[in-house]
Amino acid sequence: QVQLVESGGGLVQVGDSLRLSCAASGRTFSNYAMGWFRQAPGKDREFVASINRGDGTPTYADSVKGRFTISRDNAKNTVYLQMNSLKPEDTAVYYCATDPVLTRSPNHVNYWGQGTQVTVSS
């Protein structure tokens, strides 16, 4: 049983930055990966980034490479998503996720946060 609590979403302008946080509580495991997915209105939920709990190896979607950075603090059971150079197409609900292994597919993720809205205006 894992709970994920997100914060940091909001309304920003093109080119601005935003930092999302996701704190995990309940039963967590040192080998669980953590990551972020997003879903825009009328679109499927898509992979954004993930990070290995053990060695910190990150993985990014091509659409955010060079702009977003995922990081974690294992002592706090918290994962972050630093989003720079935001574009209107980044507008979506962002969901934190955790599982033993995270792939680019959201279909079998066991634990989700409630989602936080990110809106980028032009």
Protein backbone atom coordinates (compact mmCIF):
# COMPACT_ATOMS: atom_id res chain seq x y z
CA GLN A 1 0.00 0.00 0.00
CA VAL A 2 1.58 3.22 -1.25
CA GLN A 3 0.23 6.75 -1.30
CA LEU A 4 1.61 9.47 -3.57
CA VAL A 5 1.04 13.15 -2.84
CA GLU A 6 1.89 15.69 -5.53
CA SER A 7 2.43 19.42 -5.44
CA GLY A 8 3.83 22.21 -7.58
CA GLY A 9 1.46 22.49 -10.52
CA GLY A 10 0.12 25.81 -11.68
CA LEU A 11 -0.41 28.33 -14.44
CA VAL A 12 2.71 29.71 -16.13
CA GLN A 13 3.73 31.46 -19.33
CA VAL A 14 5.70 30.10 -22.26
CA GLY A 15 9.37 29.80 -21.34
CA ASP A 16 8.75 29.71 -17.59
CA SER A 17 9.84 26.99 -15.19
CA LEU A 18 7.96 24.84 -12.73
CA ARG A 19 9.02 22.19 -10.24
CA LEU A 20 6.74 19.30 -9.36
CA SER A 21 7.17 17.21 -6.22
CA CYS A 22 5.80 13.80 -5.33
CA ALA A 23 6.14 12.33 -1.85
CA ALA A 24 5.54 8.63 -1.29
CA SER A 25 4.24 7.23 1.98
CA GLY A 26 3.08 3.89 3.24
CA ARG A 27 5.02 0.85 2.20
CA THR A 28 7.81 1.70 -0.16
CA PHE A 29 10.67 -0.33 -1.51
CA SER A 30 14.21 0.75 -2.20
CA ASN A 31 14.17 -0.85 -5.64
CA TYR A 32 10.96 0.83 -6.84
CA ALA A 33 11.26 3.21 -9.74
CA MET A 34 9.41 6.51 -9.67
CA GLY A 35 8.33 8.66 -12.55
CA TRP A 36 5.92 11.02 -14.22
CA PHE A 37 3.21 10.67 -16.84
CA ARG A 38 0.93 13.34 -18.26
CA GLN A 39 -2.46 13.48 -19.91
CA ALA A 40 -3.87 16.32 -21.97
CA PRO A 41 -7.62 16.65 -22.64
CA GLY A 42 -8.76 14.14 -25.24
CA LYS A 43 -5.41 12.38 -25.34
CA ASP A 44 -3.96 9.21 -23.87
CA ARG A 45 -1.78 9.29 -20.82
CA GLU A 46 1.85 9.42 -21.92
CA PHE A 47 5.24 8.81 -20.39
CA VAL A 48 7.33 11.81 -19.39
CA ALA A 49 10.25 10.65 -17.25
CA SER A 50 11.33 8.01 -14.76
CA ILE A 51 14.22 7.42 -12.40
CA ASN A 52 15.69 4.31 -10.88
CA ARG A 53 15.60 4.36 -7.07
CA GLY A 54 18.91 2.57 -6.64
CA ASP A 55 21.33 4.23 -9.02
CA GLY A 56 19.37 7.30 -10.12
CA THR A 57 19.43 6.44 -13.82
CA PRO A 58 16.90 8.69 -15.59
CA THR A 59 14.81 8.07 -18.69
CA TYR A 60 13.03 10.81 -20.67
CA ALA A 61 10.47 11.08 -23.40
CA ASP A 62 11.92 12.67 -26.52
CA SER A 63 9.51 15.57 -26.22
CA VAL A 64 11.03 16.76 -22.93
CA LYS A 65 14.72 15.90 -23.30
CA GLY A 66 16.92 18.88 -22.62
CA ARG A 67 14.11 20.75 -20.87
CA PHE A 68 12.95 18.53 -18.00
CA THR A 69 15.04 16.96 -15.26
CA ILE A 70 13.89 14.21 -12.92
CA SER A 71 15.58 13.73 -9.57
CA ARG A 72 14.91 12.02 -6.27
CA ASP A 73 15.68 12.11 -2.59
CA ASN A 74 15.39 8.55 -1.37
CA ALA A 75 15.68 9.56 2.29
CA LYS A 76 12.49 11.61 1.85
CA ASN A 77 10.84 9.15 -0.55
CA THR A 78 10.33 12.08 -2.88
CA VAL A 79 10.74 12.52 -6.61
CA TYR A 80 10.92 15.86 -8.42
CA LEU A 81 10.36 17.03 -11.95
CA GLN A 82 12.08 20.28 -12.86
CA MET A 83 10.42 21.67 -15.98
CA ASN A 84 12.18 24.45 -17.87
CA SER A 85 11.41 26.24 -21.13
CA LEU A 86 7.77 25.25 -20.88
CA LYS A 87 5.67 25.17 -24.04
CA PRO A 88 1.89 25.23 -24.57
CA GLU A 89 2.05 21.57 -25.60
CA ASP A 90 3.28 20.74 -22.09
CA THR A 91 -0.17 21.63 -20.77
CA ALA A 92 -1.62 18.54 -19.12
CA VAL A 93 -2.43 16.87 -15.85
CA TYR A 94 0.81 15.41 -14.53
CA TYR A 95 0.68 12.16 -12.58
CA CYS A 96 3.33 10.74 -10.30
CA ALA A 97 3.74 6.97 -10.48
CA THR A 98 5.72 4.23 -8.79
CA ASP A 99 6.20 0.52 -9.36
CA PRO A 100 9.01 -2.04 -9.22
CA VAL A 101 9.66 -1.23 -12.87
CA LEU A 102 8.28 1.66 -14.92
CA THR A 103 8.15 1.47 -18.68
CA ARG A 104 6.85 3.98 -21.20
CA SER A 105 3.41 2.41 -20.94
CA PRO A 106 1.01 3.54 -18.19
CA ASN A 107 -1.23 0.48 -18.57
CA HIS A 108 0.11 -1.62 -15.71
CA VAL A 109 1.25 0.95 -13.19
CA ASN A 110 0.00 0.02 -9.74
CA TYR A 111 0.36 3.30 -7.87
CA TRP A 112 -0.65 6.77 -9.03
CA GLY A 113 -0.78 10.20 -7.51
CA GLN A 114 -3.95 12.27 -7.80
CA GLY A 115 -2.54 14.42 -10.58
CA THR A 116 -1.59 18.08 -10.68
CA GLN A 117 -2.57 20.52 -13.41
CA VAL A 118 0.12 22.30 -15.40
CA THR A 119 -1.09 25.00 -17.77
CA VAL A 120 1.27 26.90 -20.06
CA SER A 121 -0.20 29.99 -21.68
CA SER A 122 1.12 31.71 -24.79
